[in-house]
Amino acid sequence: MRLLFANERRIYSYIYLLIPCRADAEDLFQETLSIMWTKFDHFEEGKDFGSWGIGIAHHVIQNYRRKKGHGPLYLGEEIEGLLEEEAHQSIKAIDFRIEALRQCLTELNPLDRRIIHWRYEDEISVKSIAEKMCTTIKVIYVKLARAHDILLRCIRRTLAEQGSE
């Protein structure tokens, strides 16, 4: 479950980049998750779980396209191949940004990192964080703004150094 939660957005993004109809993309995502669940024993520990899931999603999408046939939204194999390549590049760019964010989070002081964690990972409201820290909402917003600024500058610098921007 931990591996799935860490990679579900990445897998869904891949599907949604290739299947722009949200309802169809969500159905294909659910089908992908179901297959991943039943075939988890085929996953090799130490490998990239997200890439494994995207590989499964690729096959699910291919089956979906085969079943749909040459309907009104059929783009042709060449165009679909280009879209597939673009989706892989987009996912790779997202991966670079996520890794840069992880690295940059370590540059925050422990208090700001804890506030960011509460706000975005635990999804705690700013009001609740302020109450938890016995301070005002305004102070929390200022701390969040400062942390956002530090993270944004760090991510831009990191991506520029990697040539990934």
N, C-alpha and C. Protein backbone atom coordinates (compact mmCIF):
# COMPACT_ATOMS: atom_id res chain seq x y z
N MET A 1 0.83 -1.19 0.00
CA MET A 1 0.00 0.00 0.00
C MET A 1 0.88 1.25 0.00
N ARG A 2 1.97 1.21 0.75
CA ARG A 2 2.87 2.36 0.81
C ARG A 2 3.40 2.69 -0.59
N LEU A 3 3.80 1.68 -1.32
CA LEU A 3 4.31 1.89 -2.68
C LEU A 3 3.22 2.47 -3.59
N LEU A 4 2.02 1.97 -3.43
CA LEU A 4 0.92 2.46 -4.26
C LEU A 4 0.62 3.92 -3.96
N PHE A 5 0.50 4.26 -2.69
CA PHE A 5 0.20 5.65 -2.32
C PHE A 5 1.27 6.60 -2.81
N ALA A 6 2.51 6.15 -2.78
CA ALA A 6 3.61 7.02 -3.22
C ALA A 6 3.63 7.22 -4.74
N ASN A 7 2.96 6.34 -5.49
CA ASN A 7 3.04 6.39 -6.95
C ASN A 7 1.71 6.56 -7.67
N GLU A 8 0.59 6.62 -6.94
CA GLU A 8 -0.70 6.64 -7.60
C GLU A 8 -0.90 7.87 -8.47
N ARG A 9 -0.46 9.03 -8.04
CA ARG A 9 -0.62 10.23 -8.87
C ARG A 9 0.19 10.13 -10.15
N ARG A 10 1.36 9.56 -10.04
CA ARG A 10 2.23 9.40 -11.20
C ARG A 10 1.56 8.48 -12.23
N ILE A 11 1.00 7.39 -11.77
CA ILE A 11 0.34 6.43 -12.66
C ILE A 11 -0.92 7.05 -13.26
N TYR A 12 -1.72 7.73 -12.42
CA TYR A 12 -2.94 8.36 -12.93
C TYR A 12 -2.59 9.45 -13.94
N SER A 13 -1.56 10.22 -13.66
CA SER A 13 -1.15 11.29 -14.59
C SER A 13 -0.80 10.71 -15.95
N TYR A 14 -0.09 9.61 -15.94
CA TYR A 14 0.27 8.96 -17.20
C TYR A 14 -0.98 8.59 -17.98
N ILE A 15 -1.93 7.97 -17.31
CA ILE A 15 -3.17 7.55 -17.98
C ILE A 15 -3.92 8.76 -18.50
N TYR A 16 -4.05 9.79 -17.66
CA TYR A 16 -4.83 10.96 -18.04
C TYR A 16 -4.19 11.75 -19.18
N LEU A 17 -2.86 11.70 -19.27
CA LEU A 17 -2.18 12.35 -20.40
C LEU A 17 -2.55 11.68 -21.72
N LEU A 18 -2.82 10.38 -21.68
CA LEU A 18 -3.11 9.64 -22.90
C LEU A 18 -4.60 9.46 -23.16
N ILE A 19 -5.40 9.54 -22.12
CA ILE A 19 -6.85 9.36 -22.23
C ILE A 19 -7.51 10.60 -21.62
N PRO A 20 -7.79 11.61 -22.42
CA PRO A 20 -8.26 12.89 -21.88
C PRO A 20 -9.68 12.87 -21.32
N CYS A 21 -10.46 11.86 -21.61
CA CYS A 21 -11.80 11.77 -21.03
C CYS A 21 -11.65 11.30 -19.58
N ARG A 22 -11.99 12.18 -18.65
CA ARG A 22 -11.76 11.90 -17.24
C ARG A 22 -12.42 10.60 -16.79
N ALA A 23 -13.65 10.35 -17.19
CA ALA A 23 -14.36 9.14 -16.77
C ALA A 23 -13.63 7.89 -17.26
N ASP A 24 -13.19 7.91 -18.52
CA ASP A 24 -12.46 6.77 -19.07
C ASP A 24 -11.11 6.60 -18.37
N ALA A 25 -10.42 7.72 -18.13
CA ALA A 25 -9.12 7.67 -17.46
C ALA A 25 -9.27 7.08 -16.05
N GLU A 26 -10.32 7.49 -15.34
CA GLU A 26 -10.53 6.96 -13.99
C GLU A 26 -10.85 5.47 -14.03
N ASP A 27 -11.65 5.04 -15.01
CA ASP A 27 -11.95 3.61 -15.15
C ASP A 27 -10.67 2.82 -15.44
N LEU A 28 -9.83 3.35 -16.32
CA LEU A 28 -8.59 2.67 -16.67
C LEU A 28 -7.62 2.66 -15.49
N PHE A 29 -7.63 3.72 -14.71
CA PHE A 29 -6.80 3.78 -13.51
C PHE A 29 -7.23 2.69 -12.53
N GLN A 30 -8.54 2.57 -12.31
CA GLN A 30 -9.04 1.53 -11.41
C GLN A 30 -8.69 0.13 -11.92
N GLU A 31 -8.81 -0.06 -13.22
CA GLU A 31 -8.44 -1.35 -13.81
C GLU A 31 -6.96 -1.63 -13.61
N THR A 32 -6.13 -0.60 -13.80
CA THR A 32 -4.69 -0.73 -13.60
C THR A 32 -4.38 -1.11 -12.16
N LEU A 33 -5.02 -0.43 -11.20
CA LEU A 33 -4.79 -0.74 -9.79
C LEU A 33 -5.20 -2.17 -9.46
N SER A 34 -6.30 -2.60 -10.04
CA SER A 34 -6.77 -3.97 -9.81
C SER A 34 -5.75 -4.99 -10.32
N ILE A 35 -5.22 -4.75 -11.49
CA ILE A 35 -4.21 -5.65 -12.06
C ILE A 35 -2.94 -5.62 -11.22
N MET A 36 -2.54 -4.42 -10.80
CA MET A 36 -1.34 -4.31 -9.96
C MET A 36 -1.52 -5.10 -8.68
N TRP A 37 -2.70 -5.03 -8.11
CA TRP A 37 -2.98 -5.73 -6.87
C TRP A 37 -2.87 -7.25 -7.07
N THR A 38 -3.47 -7.74 -8.14
CA THR A 38 -3.46 -9.19 -8.37
C THR A 38 -2.10 -9.70 -8.82
N LYS A 39 -1.29 -8.83 -9.42
CA LYS A 39 0.01 -9.26 -9.94
C LYS A 39 1.17 -8.75 -9.08
N PHE A 40 0.86 -8.31 -7.87
CA PHE A 40 1.92 -7.74 -7.02
C PHE A 40 3.06 -8.71 -6.79
N ASP A 41 2.78 -10.00 -6.76
CA ASP A 41 3.84 -10.98 -6.54
C ASP A 41 4.83 -11.03 -7.71
N HIS A 42 4.48 -10.42 -8.85
CA HIS A 42 5.39 -10.34 -10.00
C HIS A 42 6.32 -9.13 -9.91
N PHE A 43 6.01 -8.21 -8.99
CA PHE A 43 6.85 -7.02 -8.83
C PHE A 43 8.15 -7.41 -8.14
N GLU A 44 9.27 -6.99 -8.73
CA GLU A 44 10.58 -7.30 -8.17
C GLU A 44 10.98 -6.20 -7.20
N GLU A 45 11.16 -6.58 -5.94
CA GLU A 45 11.54 -5.61 -4.92
C GLU A 45 12.85 -4.93 -5.31
N GLY A 46 12.90 -3.64 -5.06
CA GLY A 46 14.07 -2.86 -5.42
C GLY A 46 13.93 -2.16 -6.76
N LYS A 47 12.96 -2.59 -7.56
CA LYS A 47 12.70 -1.94 -8.85
C LYS A 47 11.80 -0.73 -8.62
N ASP A 48 11.62 0.08 -9.66
CA ASP A 48 10.78 1.27 -9.59
C ASP A 48 9.31 0.87 -9.70
N PHE A 49 8.59 0.96 -8.58
CA PHE A 49 7.19 0.54 -8.52
C PHE A 49 6.32 1.38 -9.46
N GLY A 50 6.59 2.68 -9.53
CA GLY A 50 5.82 3.56 -10.41
C GLY A 50 5.98 3.18 -11.86
N SER A 51 7.20 2.87 -12.27
CA SER A 51 7.43 2.45 -13.66
C SER A 51 6.74 1.13 -13.95
N TRP A 52 6.75 0.23 -12.97
CA TRP A 52 6.05 -1.04 -13.13
C TRP A 52 4.56 -0.78 -13.34
N GLY A 53 3.99 0.11 -12.52
CA GLY A 53 2.57 0.45 -12.65
C GLY A 53 2.26 1.12 -13.98
N ILE A 54 3.15 1.98 -14.44
CA ILE A 54 2.96 2.65 -15.72
C ILE A 54 3.01 1.62 -16.86
N GLY A 55 3.88 0.63 -16.72
CA GLY A 55 3.93 -0.44 -17.72
C GLY A 55 2.60 -1.19 -17.80
N ILE A 56 2.02 -1.45 -16.64
CA ILE A 56 0.71 -2.11 -16.61
C ILE A 56 -0.34 -1.19 -17.23
N ALA A 57 -0.29 0.10 -16.86
CA ALA A 57 -1.24 1.07 -17.41
C ALA A 57 -1.11 1.14 -18.93
N HIS A 58 0.10 1.05 -19.43
CA HIS A 58 0.33 1.06 -20.89
C HIS A 58 -0.46 -0.07 -21.56
N HIS A 59 -0.37 -1.27 -20.99
CA HIS A 59 -1.10 -2.41 -21.56
C HIS A 59 -2.61 -2.24 -21.43
N VAL A 60 -3.05 -1.68 -20.31
CA VAL A 60 -4.49 -1.42 -20.12
C VAL A 60 -4.99 -0.44 -21.18
N ILE A 61 -4.20 0.60 -21.43
CA ILE A 61 -4.56 1.62 -22.43
C ILE A 61 -4.58 0.99 -23.82
N GLN A 62 -3.59 0.16 -24.13
CA GLN A 62 -3.56 -0.49 -25.44
C GLN A 62 -4.80 -1.36 -25.64
N ASN A 63 -5.20 -2.11 -24.61
CA ASN A 63 -6.41 -2.94 -24.70
C ASN A 63 -7.65 -2.07 -24.89
N TYR A 64 -7.69 -0.98 -24.17
CA TYR A 64 -8.81 -0.04 -24.28
C TYR A 64 -8.92 0.49 -25.71
N ARG A 65 -7.78 0.87 -26.28
CA ARG A 65 -7.78 1.41 -27.64
C ARG A 65 -8.17 0.34 -28.66
N ARG A 66 -7.72 -0.89 -28.44
CA ARG A 66 -8.08 -1.98 -29.34
C ARG A 66 -9.60 -2.21 -29.31
N LYS A 67 -10.18 -2.19 -28.13
CA LYS A 67 -11.62 -2.40 -27.99
C LYS A 67 -12.41 -1.25 -28.61
N LYS A 68 -11.89 -0.02 -28.46
CA LYS A 68 -12.57 1.16 -29.02
C LYS A 68 -12.51 1.16 -30.54
N GLY A 69 -11.44 0.57 -31.06
CA GLY A 69 -11.30 0.51 -32.52
C GLY A 69 -11.04 1.88 -33.13
N HIS A 70 -11.51 2.06 -34.32
CA HIS A 70 -11.29 3.30 -35.07
C HIS A 70 -12.50 4.21 -34.96
N GLY A 71 -12.86 4.56 -33.73
CA GLY A 71 -13.99 5.45 -33.50
C GLY A 71 -13.66 6.87 -33.89
N PRO A 72 -14.55 7.80 -33.59
CA PRO A 72 -14.38 9.19 -34.01
C PRO A 72 -13.15 9.88 -33.39
N LEU A 73 -12.64 9.35 -32.28
CA LEU A 73 -11.47 9.98 -31.65
C LEU A 73 -10.17 9.24 -31.95
N TYR A 74 -10.21 8.30 -32.89
CA TYR A 74 -9.01 7.54 -33.24
C TYR A 74 -8.01 8.47 -33.91
N LEU A 75 -6.79 8.48 -33.40
CA LEU A 75 -5.78 9.41 -33.91
C LEU A 75 -4.78 8.74 -34.84
N GLY A 76 -4.75 7.45 -34.87
CA GLY A 76 -3.76 6.74 -35.68
C GLY A 76 -2.58 6.34 -34.81
N GLU A 77 -1.93 5.27 -35.23
CA GLU A 77 -0.83 4.72 -34.43
C GLU A 77 0.33 5.68 -34.28
N GLU A 78 0.64 6.42 -35.33
CA GLU A 78 1.78 7.34 -35.27
C GLU A 78 1.52 8.45 -34.25
N ILE A 79 0.35 9.05 -34.29
CA ILE A 79 0.00 10.11 -33.33
C ILE A 79 -0.05 9.55 -31.91
N GLU A 80 -0.65 8.37 -31.76
CA GLU A 80 -0.71 7.77 -30.43
C GLU A 80 0.69 7.46 -29.90
N GLY A 81 1.60 7.06 -30.78
CA GLY A 81 2.99 6.83 -30.39
C GLY A 81 3.65 8.11 -29.92
N LEU A 82 3.38 9.21 -30.62
CA LEU A 82 3.91 10.51 -30.21
C LEU A 82 3.34 10.93 -28.85
N LEU A 83 2.04 10.71 -28.67
CA LEU A 83 1.43 11.03 -27.37
C LEU A 83 2.05 10.19 -26.26
N GLU A 84 2.29 8.95 -26.55
CA GLU A 84 2.91 8.04 -25.57
C GLU A 84 4.29 8.55 -25.17
N GLU A 85 5.08 8.93 -26.15
CA GLU A 85 6.42 9.46 -25.86
C GLU A 85 6.32 10.76 -25.05
N GLU A 86 5.39 11.62 -25.42
CA GLU A 86 5.19 12.87 -24.67
C GLU A 86 4.77 12.58 -23.23
N ALA A 87 3.93 11.58 -23.04
CA ALA A 87 3.50 11.20 -21.69
C ALA A 87 4.70 10.73 -20.86
N HIS A 88 5.57 9.92 -21.46
CA HIS A 88 6.76 9.46 -20.75
C HIS A 88 7.66 10.63 -20.37
N GLN A 89 7.83 11.58 -21.29
CA GLN A 89 8.66 12.75 -21.00
C GLN A 89 8.04 13.60 -19.89
N SER A 90 6.71 13.75 -19.92
CA SER A 90 6.03 14.52 -18.87
C SER A 90 6.18 13.86 -17.52
N ILE A 91 6.03 12.56 -17.46
CA ILE A 91 6.19 11.82 -16.21
C ILE A 91 7.62 11.96 -15.70
N LYS A 92 8.58 11.88 -16.61
CA LYS A 92 9.98 12.04 -16.22
C LYS A 92 10.22 13.43 -15.63
N ALA A 93 9.62 14.46 -16.25
CA ALA A 93 9.76 15.83 -15.74
C ALA A 93 9.13 15.95 -14.35
N ILE A 94 7.99 15.31 -14.16
CA ILE A 94 7.34 15.33 -12.85
C ILE A 94 8.24 14.64 -11.83
N ASP A 95 8.83 13.52 -12.21
CA ASP A 95 9.72 12.80 -11.30
C ASP A 95 10.90 13.67 -10.89
N PHE A 96 11.49 14.41 -11.84
CA PHE A 96 12.60 15.32 -11.52
C PHE A 96 12.15 16.38 -10.52
N ARG A 97 10.96 16.92 -10.74
CA ARG A 97 10.46 17.96 -9.84
C ARG A 97 10.17 17.42 -8.44
N ILE A 98 9.61 16.23 -8.38
CA ILE A 98 9.32 15.62 -7.07
C ILE A 98 10.62 15.35 -6.33
N GLU A 99 11.61 14.83 -7.01
CA GLU A 99 12.89 14.58 -6.36
C GLU A 99 13.54 15.89 -5.91
N ALA A 100 13.44 16.93 -6.73
CA ALA A 100 13.97 18.23 -6.33
C ALA A 100 13.24 18.75 -5.09
N LEU A 101 11.93 18.59 -5.05
CA LEU A 101 11.16 19.00 -3.88
C LEU A 101 11.62 18.25 -2.64
N ARG A 102 11.81 16.94 -2.76
CA ARG A 102 12.29 16.14 -1.61
C ARG A 102 13.63 16.66 -1.10
N GLN A 103 14.53 16.93 -2.04
CA GLN A 103 15.84 17.45 -1.64
C GLN A 103 15.70 18.82 -0.97
N CYS A 104 14.86 19.65 -1.55
CA CYS A 104 14.73 21.02 -1.04
C CYS A 104 14.03 21.08 0.31
N LEU A 105 13.16 20.14 0.59
CA LEU A 105 12.50 20.11 1.90
C LEU A 105 13.52 20.01 3.03
N THR A 106 14.65 19.37 2.75
CA THR A 106 15.68 19.25 3.78
C THR A 106 16.35 20.58 4.09
N GLU A 107 16.21 21.56 3.20
CA GLU A 107 16.80 22.88 3.42
C GLU A 107 15.95 23.76 4.35
N LEU A 108 14.71 23.36 4.57
CA LEU A 108 13.86 24.12 5.49
C LEU A 108 14.27 23.84 6.92
N ASN A 109 14.04 24.81 7.79
CA ASN A 109 14.29 24.55 9.20
C ASN A 109 13.22 23.56 9.69
N PRO A 110 13.50 22.84 10.76
CA PRO A 110 12.58 21.79 11.22
C PRO A 110 11.14 22.27 11.48
N LEU A 111 10.97 23.47 12.00
CA LEU A 111 9.63 23.97 12.28
C LEU A 111 8.86 24.20 10.97
N ASP A 112 9.49 24.84 9.99
CA ASP A 112 8.83 25.08 8.71
C ASP A 112 8.52 23.76 8.00
N ARG A 113 9.45 22.80 8.10
CA ARG A 113 9.22 21.49 7.49
C ARG A 113 8.01 20.80 8.15
N ARG A 114 7.89 20.93 9.47
CA ARG A 114 6.76 20.33 10.17
C ARG A 114 5.46 21.00 9.75
N ILE A 115 5.46 22.32 9.61
CA ILE A 115 4.25 23.04 9.18
C ILE A 115 3.86 22.61 7.77
N ILE A 116 4.83 22.51 6.87
CA ILE A 116 4.56 22.05 5.50
C ILE A 116 3.98 20.63 5.53
N HIS A 117 4.55 19.78 6.35
CA HIS A 117 4.07 18.40 6.48
C HIS A 117 2.62 18.38 6.96
N TRP A 118 2.34 19.12 8.02
CA TRP A 118 0.97 19.17 8.55
C TRP A 118 -0.01 19.67 7.49
N ARG A 119 0.38 20.74 6.80
CA ARG A 119 -0.54 21.38 5.86
C ARG A 119 -0.81 20.52 4.63
N TYR A 120 0.24 19.93 4.05
CA TYR A 120 0.08 19.27 2.75
C TYR A 120 0.04 17.75 2.82
N GLU A 121 0.74 17.15 3.75
CA GLU A 121 0.68 15.69 3.83
C GLU A 121 -0.46 15.25 4.73
N ASP A 122 -0.60 15.90 5.88
CA ASP A 122 -1.68 15.54 6.80
C ASP A 122 -2.97 16.30 6.49
N GLU A 123 -2.88 17.30 5.60
CA GLU A 123 -4.02 18.11 5.17
C GLU A 123 -4.75 18.78 6.34
N ILE A 124 -3.95 19.30 7.25
CA ILE A 124 -4.49 20.02 8.40
C ILE A 124 -4.71 21.47 7.99
N SER A 125 -5.81 22.05 8.40
CA SER A 125 -6.12 23.44 8.04
C SER A 125 -5.13 24.39 8.72
N VAL A 126 -4.98 25.56 8.13
CA VAL A 126 -4.10 26.58 8.70
C VAL A 126 -4.59 26.95 10.10
N LYS A 127 -5.89 27.06 10.25
CA LYS A 127 -6.46 27.38 11.57
C LYS A 127 -6.08 26.33 12.61
N SER A 128 -6.18 25.06 12.25
CA SER A 128 -5.83 23.98 13.18
C SER A 128 -4.34 23.97 13.51
N ILE A 129 -3.50 24.28 12.51
CA ILE A 129 -2.06 24.35 12.76
C ILE A 129 -1.77 25.48 13.74
N ALA A 130 -2.41 26.62 13.53
CA ALA A 130 -2.22 27.77 14.43
C ALA A 130 -2.63 27.40 15.85
N GLU A 131 -3.75 26.73 15.98
CA GLU A 131 -4.21 26.31 17.31
C GLU A 131 -3.22 25.33 17.93
N LYS A 132 -2.75 24.38 17.13
CA LYS A 132 -1.79 23.38 17.61
C LYS A 132 -0.50 24.02 18.10
N MET A 133 -0.10 25.12 17.42
CA MET A 133 1.16 25.78 17.77
C MET A 133 0.96 26.98 18.70
N CYS A 134 -0.29 27.21 19.12
CA CYS A 134 -0.61 28.33 20.01
C CYS A 134 -0.14 29.66 19.43
N THR A 135 -0.49 29.89 18.18
CA THR A 135 -0.13 31.14 17.52
C THR A 135 -1.30 31.58 16.65
N THR A 136 -1.10 32.63 15.88
CA THR A 136 -2.18 33.15 15.05
C THR A 136 -2.14 32.54 13.64
N ILE A 137 -3.26 32.61 12.97
CA ILE A 137 -3.36 32.15 11.59
C ILE A 137 -2.39 32.94 10.71
N LYS A 138 -2.30 34.25 10.99
CA LYS A 138 -1.43 35.11 10.19
C LYS A 138 0.03 34.63 10.27
N VAL A 139 0.48 34.25 11.44
CA VAL A 139 1.85 33.77 11.61
C VAL A 139 2.08 32.51 10.77
N ILE A 140 1.09 31.62 10.77
CA ILE A 140 1.23 30.38 9.98
C ILE A 140 1.28 30.71 8.49
N TYR A 141 0.42 31.63 8.04
CA TYR A 141 0.46 32.02 6.62
C TYR A 141 1.81 32.62 6.25
N VAL A 142 2.39 33.42 7.13
CA VAL A 142 3.70 34.01 6.86
C VAL A 142 4.76 32.91 6.77
N LYS A 143 4.70 31.96 7.69
CA LYS A 143 5.67 30.85 7.67
C LYS A 143 5.49 30.00 6.41
N LEU A 144 4.26 29.75 6.02
CA LEU A 144 4.01 28.99 4.79
C LEU A 144 4.53 29.74 3.57
N ALA A 145 4.26 31.04 3.51
CA ALA A 145 4.73 31.84 2.37
C ALA A 145 6.25 31.82 2.28
N ARG A 146 6.91 31.96 3.43
CA ARG A 146 8.37 31.94 3.44
C ARG A 146 8.89 30.56 3.00
N ALA A 147 8.26 29.50 3.50
CA ALA A 147 8.68 28.15 3.12
C ALA A 147 8.44 27.91 1.63
N HIS A 148 7.30 28.37 1.12
CA HIS A 148 7.02 28.23 -0.32
C HIS A 148 8.09 28.92 -1.15
N ASP A 149 8.47 30.11 -0.73
CA ASP A 149 9.48 30.88 -1.46
C ASP A 149 10.82 30.15 -1.45
N ILE A 150 11.22 29.66 -0.29
CA ILE A 150 12.48 28.92 -0.19
C ILE A 150 12.43 27.68 -1.08
N LEU A 151 11.33 26.95 -1.03
CA LEU A 151 11.20 25.73 -1.83
C LEU A 151 11.21 26.05 -3.33
N LEU A 152 10.48 27.07 -3.73
CA LEU A 152 10.42 27.43 -5.15
C LEU A 152 11.80 27.79 -5.68
N ARG A 153 12.53 28.65 -4.94
CA ARG A 153 13.87 29.03 -5.39
C ARG A 153 14.81 27.82 -5.44
N CYS A 154 14.71 26.96 -4.43
CA CYS A 154 15.56 25.77 -4.37
C CYS A 154 15.24 24.82 -5.52
N ILE A 155 13.97 24.59 -5.79
CA ILE A 155 13.57 23.68 -6.87
C ILE A 155 14.04 24.22 -8.21
N ARG A 156 13.85 25.50 -8.43
CA ARG A 156 14.32 26.09 -9.70
C ARG A 156 15.82 25.95 -9.85
N ARG A 157 16.56 26.21 -8.77
CA ARG A 157 18.02 26.10 -8.81
C ARG A 157 18.44 24.65 -9.06
N THR A 158 17.80 23.72 -8.37
CA THR A 158 18.14 22.30 -8.51
C THR A 158 17.86 21.81 -9.93
N LEU A 159 16.71 22.17 -10.47
CA LEU A 159 16.37 21.75 -11.84
C LEU A 159 17.31 22.38 -12.87
N ALA A 160 17.68 23.63 -12.64
CA ALA A 160 18.60 24.30 -13.56
C ALA A 160 19.97 23.61 -13.53
N GLU A 161 20.42 23.23 -12.32
CA GLU A 161 21.70 22.54 -12.20
C GLU A 161 21.68 21.19 -12.89
N GLN A 162 20.52 20.53 -12.87
CA GLN A 162 20.38 19.21 -13.51
C GLN A 162 20.06 19.34 -14.99
N GLY A 163 19.77 20.56 -15.43
CA GLY A 163 19.36 20.76 -16.82
C GLY A 163 17.98 20.20 -17.10
N SER A 164 17.14 20.12 -16.07
CA SER A 164 15.81 19.51 -16.20
C SER A 164 14.70 20.52 -16.30
N GLU A 165 15.00 21.79 -16.25
CA GLU A 165 13.93 22.81 -16.24
C GLU A 165 13.40 23.07 -17.59
